């Protein structure tokens, strides 16, 4: 169990991806998925993945980017 540290709540991956798919354009969501695949196949590092994700989410979806940042840093 993880301790509850105030307002921060664990990010649910399924909910995150559902929200991202509904709020991002079709093209940007697919580019985002390709970005994750590159990370998983060791073709790019976390920093590059985060930079690309931030650009794809844009300012309108900054909250999604912050959730993604929490998720990506939670897994080694």
Foldseek 3Di string as FASTA:
>chain_A
DDDDDPPDDQDDPVVLLVVCCVPFDPVLNVVLVVLVVCCVVVVDDPVVNLVSNPVSCDPVNVVSSVNVVVVVVVPD
